[in-house]
Amino acid sequence: MKPRILLLVGAACLLTAPALAVDMPYAGQQARSIKALSDEDIAALRKGEGMGMAKAAELNGYPGPVHVLQLAAQLGLTDAQRRDVQAIFDRMSAAAKTLGVAVTHIGQ
C-alpha cells in the first residue's frame, strides 16, 4: 500500500510542477530596486513619460496634451490653442519628471 501512495504523491508533484512555474510570472523580480518596476519603467518615470496611464481617459474621450499636440493639424488648432496646449504639456511634463525622480529614489 505504501509504494502506491508514494507513486501517487510523486505523480502529483510531477503534474503540478509545470503549473507552479506558470503561476509564478514575477519570479526573479523580487531582486529589483523597486520590485514592481522594471528598469524601463523607472527610466520612463524619470523622463516624465505617461507609461500608458492615460488609457482610461483616452477611452472616455479625453486625450492627453501630447496627443492633442500630435493631432493639432487634424484638430484644426489655432496657434494660440497650440501654445496653450504646449504650456499645459510643459507644466505636466516638469511635474511628472520631478515626481518620477522622487518616486524612483524611494526604493533605493
Protein backbone atom coordinates (compact mmCIF):
# COMPACT_ATOMS: atom_id res chain seq x y z
CA MET A 1 0.00 0.00 0.00
CA LYS A 2 2.81 2.44 0.85
CA PRO A 3 4.51 2.20 -2.59
CA ARG A 4 1.19 3.06 -4.19
CA ILE A 5 0.84 6.22 -2.04
CA LEU A 6 4.41 7.26 -2.83
CA LEU A 7 3.73 6.75 -6.52
CA LEU A 8 0.60 8.91 -6.31
CA VAL A 9 2.43 11.65 -4.40
CA GLY A 10 5.31 11.57 -6.90
CA ALA A 11 2.92 11.76 -9.84
CA ALA A 12 1.07 14.68 -8.24
CA CYS A 13 4.36 16.55 -7.76
CA LEU A 14 5.36 15.98 -11.37
CA LEU A 15 1.98 17.14 -12.63
CA THR A 16 1.85 20.30 -10.50
CA ALA A 17 5.44 21.49 -11.10
CA PRO A 18 4.68 22.99 -14.55
CA ALA A 19 1.55 24.63 -13.17
CA LEU A 20 3.57 26.24 -10.39
CA ALA A 21 6.00 27.69 -12.93
CA VAL A 22 3.11 29.22 -14.86
CA ASP A 23 1.66 30.64 -11.63
CA MET A 24 4.93 32.49 -10.90
CA PRO A 25 5.09 35.11 -13.66
CA TYR A 26 7.01 37.52 -11.42
CA ALA A 27 9.81 35.13 -10.47
CA GLY A 28 13.10 36.99 -10.16
CA GLN A 29 11.52 40.42 -9.92
CA GLN A 30 11.90 40.48 -6.13
CA ALA A 31 15.55 41.47 -6.64
CA ARG A 32 14.63 44.78 -8.33
CA SER A 33 15.35 48.03 -6.50
CA ILE A 34 11.63 48.82 -6.84
CA LYS A 35 10.05 45.41 -7.11
CA ALA A 36 7.01 46.45 -9.17
CA LEU A 37 9.01 48.48 -11.73
CA SER A 38 11.38 47.31 -14.43
CA ASP A 39 14.44 49.36 -15.37
CA GLU A 40 12.44 50.60 -18.37
CA ASP A 41 9.53 51.64 -16.10
CA ILE A 42 11.92 53.57 -13.84
CA ALA A 43 13.53 55.30 -16.83
CA ALA A 44 10.08 56.25 -18.17
CA LEU A 45 9.06 57.72 -14.81
CA ARG A 46 12.25 59.74 -14.56
CA LYS A 47 11.65 61.12 -18.07
CA GLY A 48 8.09 62.05 -17.16
CA GLU A 49 6.56 59.64 -19.66
CA GLY A 50 3.00 58.53 -19.19
CA MET A 51 3.63 54.78 -19.18
CA GLY A 52 0.22 54.23 -20.78
CA MET A 53 -1.64 55.56 -17.76
CA ALA A 54 -3.80 57.84 -19.91
CA LYS A 55 -5.65 54.89 -21.41
CA ALA A 56 -8.76 55.26 -19.25
CA ALA A 57 -9.03 58.97 -20.01
CA GLU A 58 -8.50 58.50 -23.73
CA LEU A 59 -11.04 55.67 -23.94
CA ASN A 60 -13.55 58.08 -22.44
CA GLY A 61 -12.81 60.86 -24.93
CA TYR A 62 -10.20 62.86 -23.00
CA PRO A 63 -6.85 62.79 -24.82
CA GLY A 64 -3.75 63.98 -23.02
CA PRO A 65 -1.93 67.12 -24.16
CA VAL A 66 0.81 65.24 -26.02
CA HIS A 67 -1.82 63.54 -28.15
CA VAL A 68 -3.62 66.82 -28.79
CA LEU A 69 -0.31 68.30 -29.95
CA GLN A 70 0.33 65.31 -32.20
CA LEU A 71 -3.11 65.76 -33.77
CA ALA A 72 -3.07 69.57 -33.85
CA ALA A 73 -3.39 69.77 -37.64
CA GLN A 74 -6.24 67.25 -37.81
CA LEU A 75 -7.99 69.03 -34.95
CA GLY A 76 -7.55 72.40 -36.65
CA LEU A 77 -5.96 74.04 -33.62
CA THR A 78 -5.13 77.70 -33.89
CA ASP A 79 -1.65 78.93 -32.99
CA ALA A 80 -3.00 80.20 -29.67
CA GLN A 81 -4.56 76.83 -28.91
CA ARG A 82 -1.29 75.05 -29.74
CA ARG A 83 0.61 77.40 -27.42
CA ASP A 84 -1.93 76.83 -24.64
CA VAL A 85 -1.77 73.04 -25.00
CA GLN A 86 2.03 73.16 -25.21
CA ALA A 87 2.11 75.18 -21.97
CA ILE A 88 -0.14 72.59 -20.30
CA PHE A 89 2.11 69.80 -21.54
CA ASP A 90 5.27 71.58 -20.38
CA ARG A 91 3.86 72.07 -16.86
CA MET A 92 2.64 68.48 -16.72
CA SER A 93 5.95 67.13 -18.00
CA ALA A 94 8.01 69.12 -15.49
CA ALA A 95 5.82 67.94 -12.61
CA ALA A 96 5.90 64.33 -13.84
CA LYS A 97 9.70 64.36 -14.09
CA THR A 98 10.04 65.77 -10.58
CA LEU A 99 7.66 63.14 -9.20
CA GLY A 100 9.26 60.37 -11.24
CA VAL A 101 12.70 61.12 -9.84
CA ALA A 102 11.32 61.36 -6.30
CA VAL A 103 9.35 58.12 -6.54
CA THR A 104 12.19 56.11 -8.05
CA HIS A 105 14.57 57.19 -5.30
CA ILE A 106 12.25 55.84 -2.60
CA GLY A 107 13.17 52.22 -3.32
CA GLN A 108 16.92 52.84 -3.36
